[in-house]
């Protein structure tokens, strides 16, 4: 492979990843961009000292300059896609953190290579990792300043024309000019005025122009392929004031507001779901959830060819209880009964519900009637052993219940309403036969 071929392959490799990230529509896109930009910044610090492409006898383009061009291209893409104040502020934090990491990490590696603490089988020279803090700070400040200048040009040019093709061309030209400006400013500020400065600046500017021209192709592709993102940026661009002087307190307050709002919405959603399916007095499932559940379980038992049992219970003489003790005490009675009713069966698949004023039900999927009768008998015993006084009852001195039970094998030709009707008829029979009993046949 020729030197130019290797150089162009390097450009392609640096361009593929940010272009791919622009196709992702989830939050992973932003994460991918930040990770990629961080890697490019670290690689730039190393590649500048490791290799360069000798395009001509006098023009050598370093790996660090290639990484710098990739960083600028990726940052412009990210800002246009996100259109968010925090993007530029995050870039400031990112550049500072990466520069600090490169300075401390690379110099630490250089110290290790020069010491006798580690083996160096490949004989990597320590000078590769020697970096200047001043050069890193200068590079970081120039990078952030150049991004601001680019955005300033973007905003000003947008006022002159609305033609997408013209704006894409002008923005790309501005990108090239900014990189060329860096080729002049960086050596001037880093090395100061000297007799050799002219040749250094000329070579650096020419190299940056070639790099910028190469990266301008994926930039133009980005503007046209992802035209909707570009148009949205033009319709609602960021302002320089937003990028530079957005108050941190205001940003934090906004984030806090949305976080609180999101939590409240989640709570409201959960409460509505609970209200929709829960009886407010007894905390058992309500009639709506009972019907939804029995519909689902009926279909499941039908598919699996297994039995379903339904229990319906009704407190005896509850109207007389309310008339004698008052409705407030009647609510207390309902809550006590509900607590006992909810503990008859403890399988996760079973559902206990309050389906009427003093009427309760239990759905028991994959269960035959004979399996549950002992539990229901024990429930009536508990009502007797932990009596709730009922002086208006004509059958006992405490609260009692009448219970109807039915089971069946769900079929395509039948419905759960038929099972409910049978259990309800047996409940009526239990009341007719003297109450405080279970009827299952």
Protein backbone atom coordinates (compact mmCIF):
# COMPACT_ATOMS: atom_id res chain seq x y z
CA UNK A 1 0.00 0.00 0.00
CA UNK A 2 1.28 3.48 -0.84
CA UNK A 3 1.70 6.27 1.69
CA UNK A 4 -1.25 8.16 0.23
CA UNK A 5 -3.37 5.00 0.36
CA UNK A 6 -2.49 4.47 4.04
CA UNK A 7 -3.22 8.15 4.72
CA UNK A 8 -6.67 7.94 3.07
CA UNK A 9 -7.41 4.68 4.90
CA UNK A 10 -6.66 6.49 8.17
CA UNK A 11 -9.18 9.21 7.18
CA UNK A 12 -11.81 6.57 6.36
CA UNK A 13 -11.32 4.76 9.67
CA UNK A 14 -11.70 7.99 11.61
CA UNK A 15 -14.86 8.90 9.62
CA UNK A 16 -16.76 5.61 9.72
CA UNK A 17 -17.59 5.60 13.43
CA UNK A 18 -19.11 9.12 13.80
CA UNK A 19 -21.12 8.58 10.60
CA UNK A 20 -22.42 5.31 12.03
CA UNK A 21 -23.37 6.95 15.34
CA UNK A 22 -25.49 9.50 13.47
CA UNK A 23 -27.74 6.64 12.30
CA UNK A 24 -28.60 5.60 15.87
CA UNK A 25 -31.79 7.19 17.23
CA UNK A 26 -31.46 6.23 20.90
CA UNK A 27 -29.45 7.72 23.76
CA UNK A 28 -26.74 5.24 22.77
CA UNK A 29 -25.88 7.66 19.96
CA UNK A 30 -24.75 10.40 22.34
CA UNK A 31 -22.85 7.92 24.53
CA UNK A 32 -21.13 6.52 21.45
CA UNK A 33 -20.10 9.98 20.26
CA UNK A 34 -18.63 10.95 23.64
CA UNK A 35 -16.72 7.69 23.96
CA UNK A 36 -15.39 7.98 20.41
CA UNK A 37 -14.36 11.63 20.87
CA UNK A 38 -12.57 10.72 24.11
CA UNK A 39 -10.67 7.91 22.39
CA UNK A 40 -9.69 10.22 19.52
CA UNK A 41 -8.36 12.83 21.96
CA UNK A 42 -6.23 10.23 23.74
CA UNK A 43 -5.01 8.73 20.45
CA UNK A 44 -4.15 12.20 19.20
CA UNK A 45 -1.78 12.72 22.09
CA UNK A 46 -0.01 9.45 21.32
CA UNK A 47 -0.23 9.33 17.52
CA UNK A 48 1.40 12.75 17.15
CA UNK A 49 4.62 11.34 18.58
CA UNK A 50 4.45 7.86 17.07
CA UNK A 51 3.90 8.28 13.33
CA UNK A 52 3.38 10.70 10.45
CA UNK A 53 2.67 10.38 6.73
CA UNK A 54 5.43 11.76 4.44
CA UNK A 55 3.18 12.87 1.57
CA UNK A 56 6.08 14.77 -0.02
CA UNK A 57 9.70 15.33 0.87
CA UNK A 58 8.80 18.49 2.79
CA UNK A 59 5.20 17.76 3.86
CA UNK A 60 4.68 15.34 6.73
CA UNK A 61 1.22 14.98 8.32
CA UNK A 62 1.29 13.59 11.85
CA UNK A 63 -1.14 11.12 13.32
CA UNK A 64 -1.99 13.71 15.96
CA UNK A 65 -3.23 16.17 13.32
CA UNK A 66 -5.39 13.45 11.77
CA UNK A 67 -6.92 12.75 15.17
CA UNK A 68 -7.51 16.48 15.68
CA UNK A 69 -9.41 16.70 12.37
CA UNK A 70 -11.52 13.67 13.33
CA UNK A 71 -12.29 15.28 16.68
CA UNK A 72 -13.48 18.53 15.08
CA UNK A 73 -15.59 16.67 12.51
CA UNK A 74 -17.24 14.46 15.15
CA UNK A 75 -17.92 17.39 17.47
CA UNK A 76 -19.65 19.40 14.73
CA UNK A 77 -21.82 16.38 13.87
CA UNK A 78 -22.74 15.84 17.52
CA UNK A 79 -23.70 19.48 18.12
CA UNK A 80 -25.85 19.60 14.96
CA UNK A 81 -27.66 16.37 15.85
CA UNK A 82 -28.22 17.07 19.55
CA UNK A 83 -28.93 20.85 19.33
CA UNK A 84 -28.47 21.00 23.11
CA UNK A 85 -26.81 23.63 25.30
CA UNK A 86 -25.19 20.97 27.44
CA UNK A 87 -23.36 19.41 24.46
CA UNK A 88 -20.80 22.23 24.25
CA UNK A 89 -20.50 22.39 28.03
CA UNK A 90 -19.88 18.64 28.11
CA UNK A 91 -17.19 19.10 25.47
CA UNK A 92 -15.43 21.60 27.77
CA UNK A 93 -15.48 19.08 30.62
CA UNK A 94 -14.39 16.29 28.29
CA UNK A 95 -11.41 18.20 26.89
CA UNK A 96 -10.26 19.21 30.38
CA UNK A 97 -10.55 15.67 31.75
CA UNK A 98 -8.85 14.05 28.76
CA UNK A 99 -6.00 16.60 28.79
CA UNK A 100 -5.49 15.95 32.48
CA UNK A 101 -5.58 12.20 31.92
CA UNK A 102 -3.10 12.41 29.01
CA UNK A 103 -0.70 14.62 30.98
CA UNK A 104 -0.71 12.52 34.13
CA UNK A 105 -1.04 9.11 32.46
CA UNK A 106 1.48 9.62 29.70
CA UNK A 107 4.11 11.19 31.97
CA UNK A 108 3.60 8.37 34.43
CA UNK A 109 4.24 5.86 31.63
CA UNK A 110 7.35 7.79 30.61
CA UNK A 111 8.62 7.64 34.20
CA UNK A 112 7.94 3.90 34.36
CA UNK A 113 9.82 3.27 31.11
CA UNK A 114 12.81 5.25 32.36
CA UNK A 115 12.83 3.53 35.73
CA UNK A 116 13.79 -0.01 36.59
CA UNK A 117 10.35 -0.85 37.93
CA UNK A 118 9.02 -2.42 34.73
CA UNK A 119 10.27 -4.53 31.83
CA UNK A 120 10.35 -2.92 28.40
CA UNK A 121 10.79 -5.87 26.00
CA UNK A 122 9.88 -3.81 22.92
CA UNK A 123 12.25 -1.02 23.93
CA UNK A 124 9.57 1.67 23.61
CA UNK A 125 11.29 5.04 24.08
CA UNK A 126 10.05 7.03 27.05
CA UNK A 127 10.09 10.23 25.00
CA UNK A 128 6.98 8.98 23.18
CA UNK A 129 4.98 9.63 26.35
CA UNK A 130 6.57 12.93 27.33
CA UNK A 131 3.87 15.59 26.95
CA UNK A 132 3.86 19.25 27.92
CA UNK A 133 1.05 20.55 30.10
CA UNK A 134 1.34 23.93 28.41
CA UNK A 135 0.91 22.37 24.96
CA UNK A 136 -2.11 20.38 26.13
CA UNK A 137 -3.76 23.47 27.66
CA UNK A 138 -3.04 25.48 24.52
CA UNK A 139 -4.48 22.75 22.31
CA UNK A 140 -7.59 22.44 24.46
CA UNK A 141 -8.26 26.18 24.51
CA UNK A 142 -7.77 26.41 20.74
CA UNK A 143 -10.12 23.48 20.13
CA UNK A 144 -12.94 24.99 22.19
CA UNK A 145 -12.39 28.45 20.72
CA UNK A 146 -12.46 27.06 17.18
CA UNK A 147 -15.74 25.22 17.87
CA UNK A 148 -17.26 28.50 19.07
CA UNK A 149 -16.03 30.33 15.98
CA UNK A 150 -17.50 27.63 13.76
CA UNK A 151 -20.88 27.91 15.48
CA UNK A 152 -20.73 31.70 15.23
CA UNK A 153 -20.17 31.40 11.48
CA UNK A 154 -23.00 28.85 11.24
CA UNK A 155 -25.45 31.21 12.92
CA UNK A 156 -24.45 34.27 10.91
CA UNK A 157 -24.49 32.52 7.53
CA UNK A 158 -27.92 31.04 8.24
CA UNK A 159 -29.34 34.58 8.22
CA UNK A 160 -28.01 35.20 4.70
CA UNK A 161 -29.48 32.20 2.91
CA UNK A 162 -31.90 29.33 3.50
CA UNK A 163 -30.66 27.15 0.66
CA UNK A 164 -29.59 23.82 2.16
CA UNK A 165 -26.97 23.05 -0.48
CA UNK A 166 -25.40 26.50 -0.18
CA UNK A 167 -25.35 26.29 3.62
CA UNK A 168 -23.78 22.81 3.55
CA UNK A 169 -21.04 24.08 1.19
CA UNK A 170 -20.39 27.23 3.27
CA UNK A 171 -20.33 25.28 6.53
CA UNK A 172 -17.84 22.81 5.05
CA UNK A 173 -15.68 25.67 3.76
CA UNK A 174 -15.77 27.23 7.24
CA UNK A 175 -14.65 23.88 8.68
CA UNK A 176 -11.66 23.85 6.31
CA UNK A 177 -10.73 27.46 7.12
CA UNK A 178 -10.91 26.86 10.89
CA UNK A 179 -8.57 23.88 10.66
CA UNK A 180 -6.16 25.93 8.54
CA UNK A 181 -6.32 28.72 11.13
CA UNK A 182 -5.32 26.19 13.78
CA UNK A 183 -2.33 25.27 11.61
CA UNK A 184 -1.17 28.88 11.89
CA UNK A 185 -2.12 29.72 15.49
CA UNK A 186 -0.87 26.58 17.24
CA UNK A 187 2.81 26.79 16.19
CA UNK A 188 2.79 30.56 16.64
CA UNK A 189 1.52 30.33 20.24
CA UNK A 190 3.45 27.15 21.09
CA UNK A 191 6.87 28.12 19.76
CA UNK A 192 6.73 31.91 19.49
CA UNK A 193 8.36 34.02 16.80
CA UNK A 194 11.54 32.53 15.33
CA UNK A 195 13.40 32.31 12.07
CA UNK A 196 12.10 28.80 11.47
CA UNK A 197 8.47 29.73 12.15
CA UNK A 198 7.58 30.50 8.52
CA UNK A 199 8.45 27.04 7.25
CA UNK A 200 6.76 25.39 10.26
CA UNK A 201 3.58 27.43 9.78
CA UNK A 202 3.50 26.83 6.03
CA UNK A 203 3.88 23.08 6.43
CA UNK A 204 1.34 22.95 9.24
CA UNK A 205 -1.26 25.04 7.39
CA UNK A 206 -0.84 22.98 4.21
CA UNK A 207 -1.16 19.77 6.19
CA UNK A 208 -4.29 21.02 7.97
CA UNK A 209 -5.78 22.07 4.62
CA UNK A 210 -5.28 18.57 3.22
CA UNK A 211 -6.74 16.99 6.38
CA UNK A 212 -9.72 19.37 6.39
CA UNK A 213 -10.36 18.75 2.69
CA UNK A 214 -10.40 15.00 3.28
CA UNK A 215 -12.73 15.26 6.27
CA UNK A 216 -14.98 17.69 4.37
CA UNK A 217 -16.22 14.77 2.25
CA UNK A 218 -17.83 12.86 5.16
CA UNK A 219 -19.04 16.24 6.47
CA UNK A 220 -20.85 16.95 3.17
CA UNK A 221 -22.21 13.42 3.20
CA UNK A 222 -23.51 13.99 6.70
CA UNK A 223 -25.25 17.26 5.73
CA UNK A 224 -27.07 15.67 2.79
CA UNK A 225 -27.75 12.13 3.99
CA UNK A 226 -28.96 13.32 7.40
CA UNK A 227 -30.63 16.40 5.99
CA UNK A 228 -33.52 16.33 8.48
CA UNK A 229 -31.10 16.71 11.41
CA UNK A 230 -29.37 19.53 9.56
CA UNK A 231 -32.67 21.32 8.85
CA UNK A 232 -33.77 20.98 12.50
CA UNK A 233 -30.48 22.53 13.58
CA UNK A 234 -31.04 25.42 11.15
CA UNK A 235 -34.63 25.91 12.30
CA UNK A 236 -33.72 26.02 15.99
CA UNK A 237 -29.98 26.59 16.30
CA UNK A 238 -28.15 27.14 19.54
CA UNK A 239 -27.03 30.65 20.36
CA UNK A 240 -23.54 31.60 21.46
CA UNK A 241 -24.96 33.02 24.70
CA UNK A 242 -26.63 29.71 25.46
CA UNK A 243 -23.41 27.83 24.85
CA UNK A 244 -21.10 30.10 26.83
CA UNK A 245 -23.12 31.69 29.59
CA UNK A 246 -26.01 29.35 30.38
CA UNK A 247 -26.22 29.56 34.19
CA UNK A 248 -25.30 26.31 35.85
CA UNK A 249 -27.95 26.89 38.50
CA UNK A 250 -30.65 27.29 35.86
CA UNK A 251 -29.56 24.12 34.09
CA UNK A 252 -29.58 22.17 37.34
CA UNK A 253 -33.00 23.58 38.26
CA UNK A 254 -34.36 22.53 34.88
CA UNK A 255 -32.95 19.03 35.21
CA UNK A 256 -34.29 18.78 38.77
CA UNK A 257 -37.72 19.97 37.62
CA UNK A 258 -37.94 17.32 34.91
CA UNK A 259 -36.68 14.63 37.28
CA UNK A 260 -39.32 15.54 39.89
CA UNK A 261 -41.97 15.72 37.19
CA UNK A 262 -41.01 12.30 35.86
CA UNK A 263 -41.12 10.77 39.34
CA UNK A 264 -44.54 12.31 39.99
CA UNK A 265 -45.85 10.98 36.68
CA UNK A 266 -44.59 7.51 37.58
CA UNK A 267 -46.27 7.72 41.00
CA UNK A 268 -49.52 8.95 39.47
CA UNK A 269 -49.41 6.17 36.91
CA UNK A 270 -48.86 3.57 39.62
CA UNK A 271 -51.61 5.02 41.80
CA UNK A 272 -54.06 5.05 38.89
CA UNK A 273 -53.21 1.44 38.12
CA UNK A 274 -53.75 0.50 41.76
CA UNK A 275 -57.00 2.46 41.96
CA UNK A 276 -58.22 0.84 38.76
CA UNK A 277 -57.63 -2.68 40.12
CA UNK A 278 -57.82 -2.33 43.91
CA UNK A 279 -60.75 -1.97 46.28
CA UNK A 280 -60.07 1.16 48.33
CA UNK A 281 -61.69 -0.10 51.53
CA UNK A 282 -60.34 -3.63 51.81
CA UNK A 283 -57.15 -3.56 49.64
CA UNK A 284 -58.39 -6.66 47.83
CA UNK A 285 -58.83 -6.72 44.07
CA UNK A 286 -61.96 -4.90 42.93
CA UNK A 287 -64.70 -6.10 40.53
CA UNK A 288 -62.90 -4.73 37.48
CA UNK A 289 -59.66 -6.57 38.23
CA UNK A 290 -61.64 -9.69 39.15
CA UNK A 291 -63.29 -9.77 35.71
CA UNK A 292 -60.02 -9.04 33.90
CA UNK A 293 -58.22 -11.81 35.80
CA UNK A 294 -60.88 -14.47 35.44
CA UNK A 295 -61.05 -13.77 31.70
CA UNK A 296 -57.29 -14.34 31.37
CA UNK A 297 -57.18 -17.38 33.65
CA UNK A 298 -60.20 -18.93 31.91
CA UNK A 299 -58.37 -18.75 28.56
CA UNK A 300 -55.18 -20.13 30.09
CA UNK A 301 -56.95 -23.07 31.75
CA UNK A 302 -58.76 -23.72 28.49
CA UNK A 303 -55.47 -23.89 26.57
CA UNK A 304 -53.81 -26.09 29.20
CA UNK A 305 -56.87 -28.31 29.73
CA UNK A 306 -56.89 -27.75 33.49
CA UNK A 307 -59.71 -27.08 35.95
CA UNK A 308 -60.76 -23.75 37.43
CA UNK A 309 -62.57 -23.20 40.72
CA UNK A 310 -64.51 -20.11 41.75
CA UNK A 311 -65.53 -19.24 45.32
CA UNK A 312 -68.14 -16.62 46.16
CA UNK A 313 -68.84 -15.62 49.78
CA UNK A 314 -71.39 -13.24 51.28
CA UNK A 315 -71.52 -11.88 54.85
CA UNK A 316 -74.76 -13.01 56.52
CA UNK A 317 -77.22 -10.29 57.59
CA UNK A 318 -74.80 -7.50 56.78
CA UNK A 319 -77.59 -4.96 56.25
CA UNK A 320 -78.76 -5.63 59.79
CA UNK A 321 -75.15 -5.28 60.98
CA UNK A 322 -74.96 -1.80 59.47
CA UNK A 323 -78.34 -0.85 60.91
CA UNK A 324 -77.28 -2.04 64.36
CA UNK A 325 -73.65 -0.83 64.54
CA UNK A 326 -73.56 1.96 61.95
CA UNK A 327 -71.86 2.18 58.57
CA UNK A 328 -68.49 3.21 60.03
CA UNK A 329 -68.34 0.05 62.11
CA UNK A 330 -69.63 -1.82 59.06
CA UNK A 331 -66.52 -0.70 57.15
CA UNK A 332 -64.35 -1.96 60.00
CA UNK A 333 -66.12 -5.32 59.79
CA UNK A 334 -65.53 -5.49 56.02
CA UNK A 335 -61.83 -4.82 56.49
CA UNK A 336 -61.52 -7.57 59.12
CA UNK A 337 -63.34 -10.07 56.93
CA UNK A 338 -61.20 -9.07 53.92
CA UNK A 339 -57.99 -9.68 55.88
CA UNK A 340 -59.14 -13.20 56.76
CA UNK A 341 -60.50 -13.85 53.25
CA UNK A 342 -57.19 -12.85 51.70
CA UNK A 343 -55.32 -15.44 53.78
CA UNK A 344 -57.38 -18.50 52.88
CA UNK A 345 -55.10 -19.29 49.90
CA UNK A 346 -51.59 -17.99 49.31
CA UNK A 347 -50.65 -19.16 45.80
CA UNK A 348 -49.47 -16.34 43.49
CA UNK A 349 -51.92 -17.47 40.81
CA UNK A 350 -54.99 -17.14 43.11
CA UNK A 351 -56.90 -13.86 43.27
CA UNK A 352 -59.03 -12.71 46.19
CA UNK A 353 -61.48 -9.89 45.47
CA UNK A 354 -64.35 -7.85 46.81
CA UNK A 355 -66.93 -7.92 44.02
CA UNK A 356 -69.84 -6.21 45.77
CA UNK A 357 -70.88 -4.50 48.99
CA UNK A 358 -70.47 -7.51 51.30
CA UNK A 359 -69.70 -10.06 48.59
CA UNK A 360 -66.24 -11.59 48.10
CA UNK A 361 -64.74 -13.98 45.56
CA UNK A 362 -61.65 -16.13 44.98
CA UNK A 363 -60.35 -17.27 41.58
CA UNK A 364 -58.39 -20.54 41.77
CA UNK A 365 -56.86 -21.60 38.42
CA UNK A 366 -55.64 -25.16 37.89
CA UNK A 367 -57.59 -26.27 40.96
CA UNK A 368 -60.36 -28.79 41.61
CA UNK A 369 -63.19 -28.07 44.04
CA UNK A 370 -62.32 -30.87 46.46
CA UNK A 371 -58.78 -29.50 46.92
CA UNK A 372 -59.98 -26.28 48.52
CA UNK A 373 -62.91 -27.34 50.72
CA UNK A 374 -60.71 -27.95 53.83
CA UNK A 375 -59.33 -24.40 53.61
CA UNK A 376 -62.83 -22.93 53.36
CA UNK A 377 -63.99 -24.99 56.34
CA UNK A 378 -61.05 -23.67 58.38
CA UNK A 379 -62.06 -20.14 57.36
CA UNK A 380 -65.53 -20.60 58.89
CA UNK A 381 -63.88 -21.98 62.04
CA UNK A 382 -61.64 -18.90 62.27
CA UNK A 383 -64.73 -16.67 62.03
CA UNK A 384 -66.11 -18.52 65.03
CA UNK A 385 -62.84 -18.55 67.01
CA UNK A 386 -62.07 -14.86 66.36
CA UNK A 387 -65.62 -13.60 66.57
CA UNK A 388 -66.76 -10.26 65.25
CA UNK A 389 -69.85 -9.53 67.39
CA UNK A 390 -73.18 -9.39 65.49
CA UNK A 391 -76.11 -8.90 67.82
CA UNK A 392 -78.57 -8.47 64.92
CA UNK A 393 -77.82 -11.91 63.41
CA UNK A 394 -80.52 -14.56 63.83
CA UNK A 395 -78.13 -17.52 63.46
CA UNK A 396 -75.10 -16.64 65.65
CA UNK A 397 -73.74 -14.02 68.02
CA UNK A 398 -70.86 -13.28 65.64
CA UNK A 399 -70.42 -12.45 61.96
CA UNK A 400 -70.79 -15.48 59.66
CA UNK A 401 -70.54 -16.06 55.91
CA UNK A 402 -72.34 -18.18 53.37
CA UNK A 403 -70.17 -19.58 50.58
CA UNK A 404 -70.89 -21.05 47.15
CA UNK A 405 -68.22 -22.99 45.25
CA UNK A 406 -68.13 -24.28 41.66
CA UNK A 407 -65.48 -25.76 39.38
CA UNK A 408 -65.29 -26.83 35.75
CA UNK A 409 -63.00 -27.60 32.83
CA UNK A 410 -63.14 -24.48 30.62
CA UNK A 411 -64.28 -25.27 27.08
CA UNK A 412 -64.56 -23.30 23.86
CA UNK A 413 -68.32 -23.61 24.03
CA UNK A 414 -68.57 -22.16 27.58
CA UNK A 415 -67.54 -18.97 29.40
CA UNK A 416 -66.48 -17.91 32.85
CA UNK A 417 -69.87 -16.22 33.31
CA UNK A 418 -71.45 -19.69 33.38
CA UNK A 419 -69.06 -20.76 36.15
CA UNK A 420 -69.88 -17.57 38.02
CA UNK A 421 -73.61 -18.25 37.67
CA UNK A 422 -73.22 -21.76 39.14
CA UNK A 423 -71.15 -20.49 42.11
CA UNK A 424 -73.69 -17.72 42.69
CA UNK A 425 -76.59 -20.23 42.65
CA UNK A 426 -74.79 -22.32 45.27
CA UNK A 427 -74.22 -19.21 47.38
CA UNK A 428 -77.97 -18.57 47.21
CA UNK A 429 -78.57 -22.20 48.21
CA UNK A 430 -76.23 -21.80 51.22
CA UNK A 431 -78.24 -18.81 52.39
CA UNK A 432 -81.54 -20.61 51.77
CA UNK A 433 -80.36 -23.69 53.69
CA UNK A 434 -79.59 -21.76 56.90
CA UNK A 435 -76.46 -19.64 56.17
CA UNK A 436 -73.02 -19.98 57.75
CA UNK A 437 -72.19 -22.90 55.49
CA UNK A 438 -70.52 -23.97 52.26
CA UNK A 439 -72.45 -25.38 49.32
CA UNK A 440 -70.37 -27.03 46.62
CA UNK A 441 -72.89 -29.30 44.87
